[in-house]
Amino acid sequence: VNDDGEVSVATVMSVTLSVDHRVIDGALGAELLTAIKENLENPVAMLA
């Protein structure tokens, strides 16, 4: 709820990932973060 009493969107959580690029490609790490984001936004999907 903002100062005007309205519901608003805000950043609630930041996630970072640090990988050794000799072992894991950065694109694979990005896919992992995307999957985490999707599961956090829609936790029911994890039950399927």
PDB file of N, CA and C in Angstrom:
ATOM      1  N   VAL A   1       0.858  -1.173   0.000  1.00  0.00           N
ATOM      2  CA  VAL A   1       0.000   0.000   0.000  1.00  0.00           C
ATOM      3  C   VAL A   1       0.903   1.234   0.000  1.00  0.00           C
ATOM      4  N   ASN A   2       0.673   2.111  -0.964  1.00  0.00           N
ATOM      5  CA  ASN A   2       1.512   3.307  -1.063  1.00  0.00           C
ATOM      6  C   ASN A   2       1.000   4.416  -0.139  1.00  0.00           C
ATOM      7  N   ASP A   3       1.615   5.579  -0.224  1.00  0.00           N
ATOM      8  CA  ASP A   3       1.259   6.707   0.644  1.00  0.00           C
ATOM      9  C   ASP A   3      -0.161   7.211   0.418  1.00  0.00           C
ATOM     10  N   ASP A   4      -0.707   6.960  -0.785  1.00  0.00           N
ATOM     11  CA  ASP A   4      -2.070   7.395  -1.101  1.00  0.00           C
ATOM     12  C   ASP A   4      -3.117   6.363  -0.697  1.00  0.00           C
ATOM     13  N   GLY A   5      -2.691   5.268  -0.072  1.00  0.00           N
ATOM     14  CA  GLY A   5      -3.614   4.222   0.348  1.00  0.00           C
ATOM     15  C   GLY A   5      -3.993   3.258  -0.759  1.00  0.00           C
ATOM     16  N   GLU A   6      -3.294   3.319  -1.891  1.00  0.00           N
ATOM     17  CA  GLU A   6      -3.577   2.436  -3.016  1.00  0.00           C
ATOM     18  C   GLU A   6      -2.612   1.261  -3.026  1.00  0.00           C
ATOM     19  N   VAL A   7      -3.097   0.139  -3.541  1.00  0.00           N
ATOM     20  CA  VAL A   7      -2.234  -1.028  -3.699  1.00  0.00           C
ATOM     21  C   VAL A   7      -1.333  -0.779  -4.899  1.00  0.00           C
ATOM     22  N   SER A   8      -0.045  -1.025  -4.749  1.00  0.00           N
ATOM     23  CA  SER A   8       0.894  -0.816  -5.845  1.00  0.00           C
ATOM     24  C   SER A   8       1.904  -1.957  -5.881  1.00  0.00           C
ATOM     25  N   VAL A   9       2.525  -2.117  -7.033  1.00  0.00           N
ATOM     26  CA  VAL A   9       3.527  -3.156  -7.228  1.00  0.00           C
ATOM     27  C   VAL A   9       4.875  -2.628  -6.754  1.00  0.00           C
ATOM     28  N   ALA A  10       5.611  -3.473  -6.063  1.00  0.00           N
ATOM     29  CA  ALA A  10       6.937  -3.087  -5.589  1.00  0.00           C
ATOM     30  C   ALA A  10       7.868  -4.289  -5.676  1.00  0.00           C
ATOM     31  N   THR A  11       9.161  -4.032  -5.774  1.00  0.00           N
ATOM     32  CA  THR A  11      10.142  -5.103  -5.741  1.00  0.00           C
ATOM     33  C   THR A  11      10.188  -5.663  -4.334  1.00  0.00           C
ATOM     34  N   VAL A  12       9.956  -6.958  -4.219  1.00  0.00           N
ATOM     35  CA  VAL A  12       9.913  -7.589  -2.909  1.00  0.00           C
ATOM     36  C   VAL A  12      11.179  -8.383  -2.658  1.00  0.00           C
ATOM     37  N   MET A  13      11.725  -8.965  -3.708  1.00  0.00           N
ATOM     38  CA  MET A  13      12.864  -9.848  -3.524  1.00  0.00           C
ATOM     39  C   MET A  13      13.791  -9.756  -4.731  1.00  0.00           C
ATOM     40  N   SER A  14      15.064  -9.722  -4.471  1.00  0.00           N
ATOM     41  CA  SER A  14      16.064  -9.773  -5.532  1.00  0.00           C
ATOM     42  C   SER A  14      16.803 -11.100  -5.424  1.00  0.00           C
ATOM     43  N   VAL A  15      17.069 -11.707  -6.564  1.00  0.00           N
ATOM     44  CA  VAL A  15      17.798 -12.975  -6.602  1.00  0.00           C
ATOM     45  C   VAL A  15      18.983 -12.800  -7.540  1.00  0.00           C
ATOM     46  N   THR A  16      20.139 -13.219  -7.097  1.00  0.00           N
ATOM     47  CA  THR A  16      21.320 -13.194  -7.953  1.00  0.00           C
ATOM     48  C   THR A  16      21.924 -14.588  -7.993  1.00  0.00           C
ATOM     49  N   LEU A  17      22.666 -14.844  -9.022  1.00  0.00           N
ATOM     50  CA  LEU A  17      23.304 -16.142  -9.195  1.00  0.00           C
ATOM     51  C   LEU A  17      24.737 -15.905  -9.636  1.00  0.00           C
ATOM     52  N   SER A  18      25.647 -16.547  -8.977  1.00  0.00           N
ATOM     53  CA  SER A  18      27.051 -16.456  -9.345  1.00  0.00           C
ATOM     54  C   SER A  18      27.516 -17.846  -9.761  1.00  0.00           C
ATOM     55  N   VAL A  19      28.022 -17.944 -10.976  1.00  0.00           N
ATOM     56  CA  VAL A  19      28.471 -19.245 -11.475  1.00  0.00           C
ATOM     57  C   VAL A  19      29.882 -19.129 -12.040  1.00  0.00           C
ATOM     58  N   ASP A  20      30.573 -20.230 -12.046  1.00  0.00           N
ATOM     59  CA  ASP A  20      31.890 -20.316 -12.671  1.00  0.00           C
ATOM     60  C   ASP A  20      31.660 -20.595 -14.153  1.00  0.00           C
ATOM     61  N   HIS A  21      31.949 -19.633 -15.003  1.00  0.00           N
ATOM     62  CA  HIS A  21      31.674 -19.769 -16.429  1.00  0.00           C
ATOM     63  C   HIS A  21      32.533 -20.838 -17.099  1.00  0.00           C
ATOM     64  N   ARG A  22      33.507 -21.359 -16.406  1.00  0.00           N
ATOM     65  CA  ARG A  22      34.267 -22.489 -16.949  1.00  0.00           C
ATOM     66  C   ARG A  22      33.459 -23.773 -16.824  1.00  0.00           C
ATOM     67  N   VAL A  23      32.491 -23.789 -15.909  1.00  0.00           N
ATOM     68  CA  VAL A  23      31.694 -24.988 -15.646  1.00  0.00           C
ATOM     69  C   VAL A  23      30.272 -24.850 -16.180  1.00  0.00           C
ATOM     70  N   ILE A  24      29.655 -23.699 -15.956  1.00  0.00           N
ATOM     71  CA  ILE A  24      28.261 -23.475 -16.349  1.00  0.00           C
ATOM     72  C   ILE A  24      28.189 -22.227 -17.219  1.00  0.00           C
ATOM     73  N   ASP A  25      27.552 -22.370 -18.381  1.00  0.00           N
ATOM     74  CA  ASP A  25      27.363 -21.240 -19.283  1.00  0.00           C
ATOM     75  C   ASP A  25      26.384 -20.246 -18.658  1.00  0.00           C
ATOM     76  N   GLY A  26      26.613 -18.976 -18.860  1.00  0.00           N
ATOM     77  CA  GLY A  26      25.739 -17.943 -18.310  1.00  0.00           C
ATOM     78  C   GLY A  26      24.299 -18.082 -18.772  1.00  0.00           C
ATOM     79  N   ALA A  27      24.088 -18.570 -19.996  1.00  0.00           N
ATOM     80  CA  ALA A  27      22.727 -18.754 -20.512  1.00  0.00           C
ATOM     81  C   ALA A  27      21.980 -19.798 -19.693  1.00  0.00           C
ATOM     82  N   LEU A  28      22.666 -20.839 -19.268  1.00  0.00           N
ATOM     83  CA  LEU A  28      22.041 -21.865 -18.433  1.00  0.00           C
ATOM     84  C   LEU A  28      21.663 -21.281 -17.073  1.00  0.00           C
ATOM     85  N   GLY A  29      22.510 -20.439 -16.542  1.00  0.00           N
ATOM     86  CA  GLY A  29      22.197 -19.768 -15.283  1.00  0.00           C
ATOM     87  C   GLY A  29      20.980 -18.870 -15.422  1.00  0.00           C
ATOM     88  N   ALA A  30      20.865 -18.188 -16.557  1.00  0.00           N
ATOM     89  CA  ALA A  30      19.703 -17.333 -16.814  1.00  0.00           C
ATOM     90  C   ALA A  30      18.430 -18.163 -16.898  1.00  0.00           C
ATOM     91  N   GLU A  31      18.518 -19.348 -17.503  1.00  0.00           N
ATOM     92  CA  GLU A  31      17.360 -20.241 -17.569  1.00  0.00           C
ATOM     93  C   GLU A  31      16.936 -20.680 -16.173  1.00  0.00           C
ATOM     94  N   LEU A  32      17.906 -20.952 -15.312  1.00  0.00           N
ATOM     95  CA  LEU A  32      17.608 -21.341 -13.937  1.00  0.00           C
ATOM     96  C   LEU A  32      16.886 -20.213 -13.206  1.00  0.00           C
ATOM     97  N   LEU A  33      17.385 -18.990 -13.333  1.00  0.00           N
ATOM     98  CA  LEU A  33      16.739 -17.854 -12.673  1.00  0.00           C
ATOM     99  C   LEU A  33      15.332 -17.624 -13.218  1.00  0.00           C
ATOM    100  N   THR A  34      15.137 -17.831 -14.510  1.00  0.00           N
ATOM    101  CA  THR A  34      13.803 -17.697 -15.098  1.00  0.00           C
ATOM    102  C   THR A  34      12.858 -18.740 -14.520  1.00  0.00           C
ATOM    103  N   ALA A  35      13.334 -19.976 -14.383  1.00  0.00           N
ATOM    104  CA  ALA A  35      12.502 -21.036 -13.809  1.00  0.00           C
ATOM    105  C   ALA A  35      12.152 -20.732 -12.355  1.00  0.00           C
ATOM    106  N   ILE A  36      13.110 -20.224 -11.594  1.00  0.00           N
ATOM    107  CA  ILE A  36      12.848 -19.858 -10.200  1.00  0.00           C
ATOM    108  C   ILE A  36      11.795 -18.759 -10.146  1.00  0.00           C
ATOM    109  N   LYS A  37      11.938 -17.745 -10.988  1.00  0.00           N
ATOM    110  CA  LYS A  37      10.980 -16.631 -11.032  1.00  0.00           C
ATOM    111  C   LYS A  37       9.580 -17.136 -11.350  1.00  0.00           C
ATOM    112  N   GLU A  38       9.461 -17.986 -12.372  1.00  0.00           N
ATOM    113  CA  GLU A  38       8.153 -18.504 -12.768  1.00  0.00           C
ATOM    114  C   GLU A  38       7.521 -19.323 -11.653  1.00  0.00           C
ATOM    115  N   ASN A  39       8.318 -20.124 -10.961  1.00  0.00           N
ATOM    116  CA  ASN A  39       7.781 -20.937  -9.872  1.00  0.00           C
ATOM    117  C   ASN A  39       7.373 -20.098  -8.670  1.00  0.00           C
ATOM    118  N   LEU A  40       8.103 -19.038  -8.391  1.00  0.00           N
ATOM    119  CA  LEU A  40       7.724 -18.160  -7.287  1.00  0.00           C
ATOM    120  C   LEU A  40       6.450 -17.382  -7.608  1.00  0.00           C
ATOM    121  N   GLU A  41       6.288 -17.002  -8.876  1.00  0.00           N
ATOM    122  CA  GLU A  41       5.103 -16.251  -9.275  1.00  0.00           C
ATOM    123  C   GLU A  41       3.873 -17.134  -9.384  1.00  0.00           C
ATOM    124  N   ASN A  42       4.054 -18.429  -9.630  1.00  0.00           N
ATOM    125  CA  ASN A  42       2.934 -19.353  -9.782  1.00  0.00           C
ATOM    126  C   ASN A  42       3.273 -20.666  -9.082  1.00  0.00           C
ATOM    127  N   PRO A  43       3.227 -20.699  -7.747  1.00  0.00           N
ATOM    128  CA  PRO A  43       3.652 -21.891  -7.010  1.00  0.00           C
ATOM    129  C   PRO A  43       2.794 -23.127  -7.269  1.00  0.00           C
ATOM    130  N   VAL A  44       1.550 -22.955  -7.695  1.00  0.00           N
ATOM    131  CA  VAL A  44       0.688 -24.100  -7.984  1.00  0.00           C
ATOM    132  C   VAL A  44       1.263 -24.920  -9.136  1.00  0.00           C
ATOM    133  N   ALA A  45       1.978 -24.275 -10.048  1.00  0.00           N
ATOM    134  CA  ALA A  45       2.572 -24.976 -11.186  1.00  0.00           C
ATOM    135  C   ALA A  45       3.592 -26.015 -10.736  1.00  0.00           C
ATOM    136  N   MET A  46       4.184 -25.829  -9.557  1.00  0.00           N
ATOM    137  CA  MET A  46       5.167 -26.793  -9.059  1.00  0.00           C
ATOM    138  C   MET A  46       4.513 -28.111  -8.659  1.00  0.00           C
ATOM    139  N   LEU A  47       3.192 -28.111  -8.463  1.00  0.00           N
ATOM    140  CA  LEU A  47       2.490 -29.331  -8.079  1.00  0.00           C
ATOM    141  C   LEU A  47       2.203 -30.229  -9.271  1.00  0.00           C
ATOM    142  N   ALA A  48       2.281 -29.690 -10.479  1.00  0.00           N
ATOM    143  CA  ALA A  48       1.955 -30.462 -11.681  1.00  0.00           C
ATOM    144  C   ALA A  48       3.104 -31.350 -12.090  1.00  0.00           C
TER     145      ALA A  48
END
